[in-house]
Each structure stands twice: as structure tokens, then as C-alpha cells.
Amino acid sequence: MFSLRHMKGLQKMNDLKEKREEKKQEKSKEKTTTTARACAREHWVGLSEIATWPYFNLTYLKNHFSVESLNRCADKVGLNRSQRIAWLKYIDSVGWCYPTGRKMTELNCQRSMRMWRVVDERLAAENGRGRGCANGADVKENEYERIKRLEALRRVEMSAKPENWELCRERCAMFLSGKCSKGRKIPPQLRERPVAPEECPQFEAKEVR
């Protein structure tokens, strides 16, 4: 049988082993967290950089956001660096407002960022560019692409208004429970090539009673 002293020695060795394992796991966790933060910060846009942009309303940005909180919101939404730059310049050009006139703040900016990412990735797929603004901060989009992107974003924003679906509600049997049951996200008259509801591929006329 093991002596009491021997048992205590074994217990002490086990305790030391467990502590070493715990420290090892903590260091590994810290390393992973640090690496993740470093990767995320690669996409961040700094205040000193923004300050060099001509005609940018830096005062509004400073009064309503901190650059850290703005970048963290963009992290949550999944904007890459070039998408952040494009979104910032866009939202500044429209006076930091939603189409409804509601002012942009830290509390509501993620909705706009999310729409921007969706539109950007949709256009990127259409143009065969890969994910998000050609997936690189150094690639410049030309004026045509910029205008097309802003128009696409405007269509998405306008589609969120129930009144812009009124024609579909009146004429199409596929418009149910306040939305297109066929999955269309943009009403016919707001699409890139506007058409009447009757010309939509998913259109089915309502029965006349």
C-alpha cells in the first residue's frame, strides 16, 4: 500500500500538472484572442486617415461616434476595409441620414452598414469581382461603379417602405402577408430596369371578384 507521504506527493504532482495545463490553455487563449483582434484591426479605418478626405464632415463624426465604436459596429456587420471607406464616404454625402431623414448614430448605423454590404456583394458577384469592393482597399472603383452602387443601395432602402409595394399589393396574387411570396426583394418599378408589376416574371394576376 502507498504511504500517506507518497499519496501527498502524488497529489502535489497532479496539482502542479493541472496548473501547468491551465496556464498553457490561458496562454493559447490569449494568443488566439490577440491574433483575432489584430486581424480585425487590419480592416479598421483611423481618424487620421478620415481627416484627409476632402469635404468630409469630420465634426459630425466626432460628435456622434468614436472611431473605435464605428469600427466595432463594422466588425459585427462584416464590412472589410474598402467597404468601410466606401460606406463612410456615402453616408457623409447624404448628410448622415437615412432616406426617412432619421439621423445616423452608433445605435442605428448597423442597419445601413448591413445594407451596404449586401448591395456591394451583390454588385461584386454580378461583375465577377469577388467579395466587397474587389476585396481590397487599394483597388479603386470607377465613377460608373460608384454611381451604380449608390443607386442599388437607394433601391434597397426604398424597398423597405410599404408604400412602394402598393402596386404589387393591388395587382399580384403572389404578394402575401406584406411581401412577395416568390422572394423578390425589390418592387418592379424600383428595379434597375423598372417595369410594371404585370411584367415581373413572378407576376400572377389577382382574381377579379
Protein backbone atom coordinates (compact mmCIF):
# COMPACT_ATOMS: atom_id res chain seq x y z
CA MET A 1 0.00 0.00 0.00
CA PHE A 2 1.07 3.59 -0.64
CA SER A 3 2.18 5.60 2.37
CA LEU A 4 0.44 8.84 3.29
CA ARG A 5 3.58 10.77 2.34
CA HIS A 6 3.64 9.07 -1.05
CA MET A 7 -0.04 9.86 -1.64
CA LYS A 8 0.52 13.52 -0.78
CA GLY A 9 3.47 13.61 -3.17
CA LEU A 10 1.36 12.22 -5.99
CA GLN A 11 -1.40 14.71 -5.24
CA LYS A 12 1.10 17.57 -5.30
CA MET A 13 2.46 16.40 -8.66
CA ASN A 14 -1.06 16.18 -10.09
CA ASP A 15 -1.86 19.67 -8.82
CA LEU A 16 1.29 21.08 -10.43
CA LYS A 17 0.48 19.31 -13.68
CA GLU A 18 -3.07 20.73 -13.71
CA LYS A 19 -1.76 24.23 -13.04
CA ARG A 20 0.72 23.93 -15.91
CA GLU A 21 -2.10 22.78 -18.22
CA GLU A 22 -4.30 25.69 -17.11
CA LYS A 23 -1.51 28.20 -17.77
CA LYS A 24 -0.87 26.63 -21.15
CA GLN A 25 -4.56 26.91 -22.09
CA GLU A 26 -4.73 30.53 -20.87
CA LYS A 27 -1.69 31.48 -22.97
CA SER A 28 -3.18 29.74 -26.00
CA LYS A 29 -6.48 31.56 -25.48
CA GLU A 30 -4.72 34.91 -25.10
CA LYS A 31 -2.71 34.28 -28.25
CA THR A 32 -5.85 33.38 -30.23
CA THR A 33 -7.71 36.45 -28.93
CA THR A 34 -4.77 38.73 -29.73
CA THR A 35 -4.48 37.30 -33.25
CA ALA A 36 -8.23 37.71 -33.84
CA ARG A 37 -8.11 41.32 -32.67
CA ALA A 38 -5.09 42.04 -34.87
CA CYS A 39 -6.86 40.55 -37.90
CA ALA A 40 -9.99 42.59 -37.19
CA ARG A 41 -8.00 45.80 -36.79
CA GLU A 42 -6.47 45.31 -40.23
CA HIS A 43 -9.83 46.46 -41.59
CA TRP A 44 -10.15 49.47 -39.30
CA VAL A 45 -10.24 52.99 -40.69
CA GLY A 46 -8.49 55.52 -38.48
CA LEU A 47 -9.41 59.11 -37.65
CA SER A 48 -6.15 60.49 -39.05
CA GLU A 49 -6.93 58.85 -42.39
CA ILE A 50 -10.52 60.10 -42.47
CA ALA A 51 -9.32 63.63 -41.66
CA THR A 52 -7.50 63.75 -45.02
CA TRP A 53 -10.68 63.17 -47.06
CA PRO A 54 -11.83 66.40 -48.76
CA TYR A 55 -15.24 67.86 -47.82
CA PHE A 56 -15.85 65.13 -45.22
CA ASN A 57 -17.94 66.24 -42.22
CA LEU A 58 -15.45 65.25 -39.55
CA THR A 59 -17.29 67.31 -36.92
CA TYR A 60 -20.43 65.17 -37.17
CA LEU A 61 -18.37 62.00 -36.92
CA LYS A 62 -16.55 63.20 -33.81
CA ASN A 63 -19.76 64.43 -32.15
CA HIS A 64 -21.80 61.26 -32.69
CA PHE A 65 -19.29 58.42 -32.89
CA SER A 66 -15.94 57.29 -31.65
CA VAL A 67 -13.81 55.76 -34.38
CA GLU A 68 -13.40 52.64 -32.25
CA SER A 69 -17.15 52.15 -31.81
CA LEU A 70 -17.73 52.78 -35.53
CA ASN A 71 -15.17 50.15 -36.50
CA ARG A 72 -16.57 47.69 -33.97
CA CYS A 73 -20.04 48.11 -35.49
CA ALA A 74 -18.50 47.44 -38.90
CA ASP A 75 -16.76 44.33 -37.46
CA LYS A 76 -20.13 42.95 -36.32
CA VAL A 77 -21.68 43.53 -39.73
CA GLY A 78 -18.66 42.09 -41.56
CA LEU A 79 -17.51 45.10 -43.59
CA ASN A 80 -14.00 44.84 -44.95
CA ARG A 81 -11.73 47.88 -45.08
CA SER A 82 -12.67 49.07 -48.56
CA GLN A 83 -16.38 48.66 -47.78
CA ARG A 84 -15.95 50.80 -44.64
CA ILE A 85 -14.28 53.56 -46.59
CA ALA A 86 -16.97 53.47 -49.29
CA TRP A 87 -19.78 53.42 -46.69
CA LEU A 88 -18.32 56.34 -44.72
CA LYS A 89 -17.99 58.47 -47.85
CA TYR A 90 -21.50 57.55 -48.96
CA ILE A 91 -23.20 58.21 -45.62
CA ASP A 92 -21.37 61.54 -45.31
CA SER A 93 -22.51 62.53 -48.83
CA VAL A 94 -26.18 62.05 -47.80
CA GLY A 95 -25.78 64.04 -44.59
CA TRP A 96 -25.52 61.09 -42.18
CA CYS A 97 -29.23 60.38 -42.67
CA TYR A 98 -31.48 57.51 -43.64
CA PRO A 99 -33.89 58.22 -46.55
CA THR A 100 -36.57 58.91 -43.93
CA GLY A 101 -34.47 61.79 -42.56
CA ARG A 102 -33.54 59.89 -39.42
CA LYS A 103 -30.03 60.81 -38.29
CA MET A 104 -27.28 58.20 -38.12
CA THR A 105 -25.97 57.28 -34.66
CA GLU A 106 -23.98 54.49 -33.02
CA LEU A 107 -27.27 52.83 -32.08
CA ASN A 108 -28.74 52.58 -35.58
CA CYS A 109 -25.79 52.62 -38.01
CA GLN A 110 -25.50 48.83 -38.36
CA ARG A 111 -28.67 48.62 -40.44
CA SER A 112 -27.18 50.95 -43.05
CA MET A 113 -23.83 49.14 -42.96
CA ARG A 114 -25.56 45.81 -43.44
CA MET A 115 -27.49 47.06 -46.47
CA TRP A 116 -24.27 48.49 -47.89
CA ARG A 117 -22.51 45.12 -47.56
CA VAL A 118 -25.42 43.24 -49.16
CA VAL A 119 -25.55 45.64 -52.12
CA ASP A 120 -21.77 45.67 -52.50
CA GLU A 121 -21.52 41.88 -52.53
CA ARG A 122 -24.43 41.61 -54.95
CA LEU A 123 -22.74 44.01 -57.37
CA ALA A 124 -19.41 42.28 -56.86
CA ALA A 125 -20.98 38.94 -57.83
CA GLU A 126 -22.63 40.49 -60.90
CA ASN A 127 -19.32 42.00 -62.03
CA GLY A 128 -17.26 38.92 -61.17
CA ARG A 129 -15.05 40.92 -58.82
CA GLY A 130 -15.14 38.67 -55.78
CA ARG A 131 -16.29 39.84 -52.34
CA GLY A 132 -16.66 43.50 -51.49
CA CYS A 133 -15.13 46.38 -53.46
CA ALA A 134 -12.85 43.99 -55.34
CA ASN A 135 -11.85 42.65 -51.91
CA GLY A 136 -9.05 45.14 -51.47
CA ALA A 137 -8.56 48.67 -50.20
CA ASP A 138 -6.09 49.57 -52.95
CA VAL A 139 -8.46 48.84 -55.82
CA LYS A 140 -10.24 51.98 -56.94
CA GLU A 141 -13.78 51.74 -58.23
CA ASN A 142 -14.52 53.96 -61.18
CA GLU A 143 -17.23 56.60 -61.21
CA TYR A 144 -19.70 54.34 -63.01
CA GLU A 145 -19.36 51.63 -60.35
CA ARG A 146 -19.72 54.21 -57.57
CA ILE A 147 -22.94 55.60 -59.04
CA LYS A 148 -24.29 52.12 -59.69
CA ARG A 149 -23.56 51.14 -56.09
CA LEU A 150 -25.34 54.20 -54.70
CA GLU A 151 -28.35 53.60 -56.92
CA ALA A 152 -28.52 49.96 -55.83
CA LEU A 153 -28.37 50.97 -52.18
CA ARG A 154 -31.13 53.50 -52.73
CA ARG A 155 -33.32 50.79 -54.30
CA VAL A 156 -32.80 48.54 -51.28
CA GLU A 157 -33.63 51.36 -48.87
CA MET A 158 -36.74 52.41 -50.84
CA SER A 159 -37.92 48.79 -50.93
CA ALA A 160 -38.20 48.83 -47.14
CA LYS A 161 -41.12 51.29 -47.43
CA PRO A 162 -44.52 49.52 -47.59
CA GLU A 163 -45.99 52.17 -49.90
CA ASN A 164 -43.56 51.17 -52.66
CA TRP A 165 -45.17 47.71 -52.76
CA GLU A 166 -48.69 49.10 -53.18
CA LEU A 167 -48.93 48.24 -56.91
CA CYS A 168 -47.94 44.63 -56.19
CA ARG A 169 -50.46 44.50 -53.34
CA GLU A 170 -53.25 45.70 -55.64
CA ARG A 171 -52.47 43.60 -58.71
CA CYS A 172 -50.40 40.50 -57.89
CA ALA A 173 -51.69 37.31 -56.25
CA MET A 174 -48.13 36.44 -55.24
CA PHE A 175 -47.96 39.38 -52.83
CA LEU A 176 -48.93 37.86 -49.49
CA SER A 177 -48.57 38.96 -45.86
CA GLY A 178 -46.83 42.20 -46.81
CA LYS A 179 -44.15 40.69 -49.07
CA CYS A 180 -43.52 38.89 -52.35
CA SER A 181 -44.04 35.17 -51.77
CA LYS A 182 -41.67 34.47 -54.68
CA GLY A 183 -38.78 36.09 -52.83
CA ARG A 184 -38.46 39.33 -54.78
CA LYS A 185 -36.84 42.00 -52.58
CA ILE A 186 -37.23 44.99 -54.92
CA PRO A 187 -40.65 46.06 -56.28
CA PRO A 188 -40.85 46.10 -60.12
CA GLN A 189 -40.90 49.88 -60.51
CA LEU A 190 -37.71 50.30 -58.44
CA ARG A 191 -35.57 47.68 -60.15
CA GLU A 192 -32.52 48.59 -62.22
CA ARG A 193 -34.76 48.21 -65.26
CA PRO A 194 -38.16 49.43 -63.97
CA VAL A 195 -41.24 47.54 -65.15
CA ALA A 196 -44.92 47.38 -64.29
CA PRO A 197 -45.97 44.58 -61.89
CA GLU A 198 -47.55 42.74 -64.83
CA GLU A 199 -44.12 42.45 -66.48
CA CYS A 200 -42.48 40.84 -63.45
CA PRO A 201 -41.58 37.16 -64.21
CA GLN A 202 -43.28 36.09 -60.96
CA PHE A 203 -46.49 38.06 -61.59
CA GLU A 204 -49.84 36.31 -61.28
CA ALA A 205 -52.94 38.44 -61.66
CA LYS A 206 -55.44 38.56 -58.83
CA GLU A 207 -58.82 37.08 -59.50
CA VAL A 208 -61.46 39.68 -60.23
CA ARG A 209 -64.47 39.28 -57.96
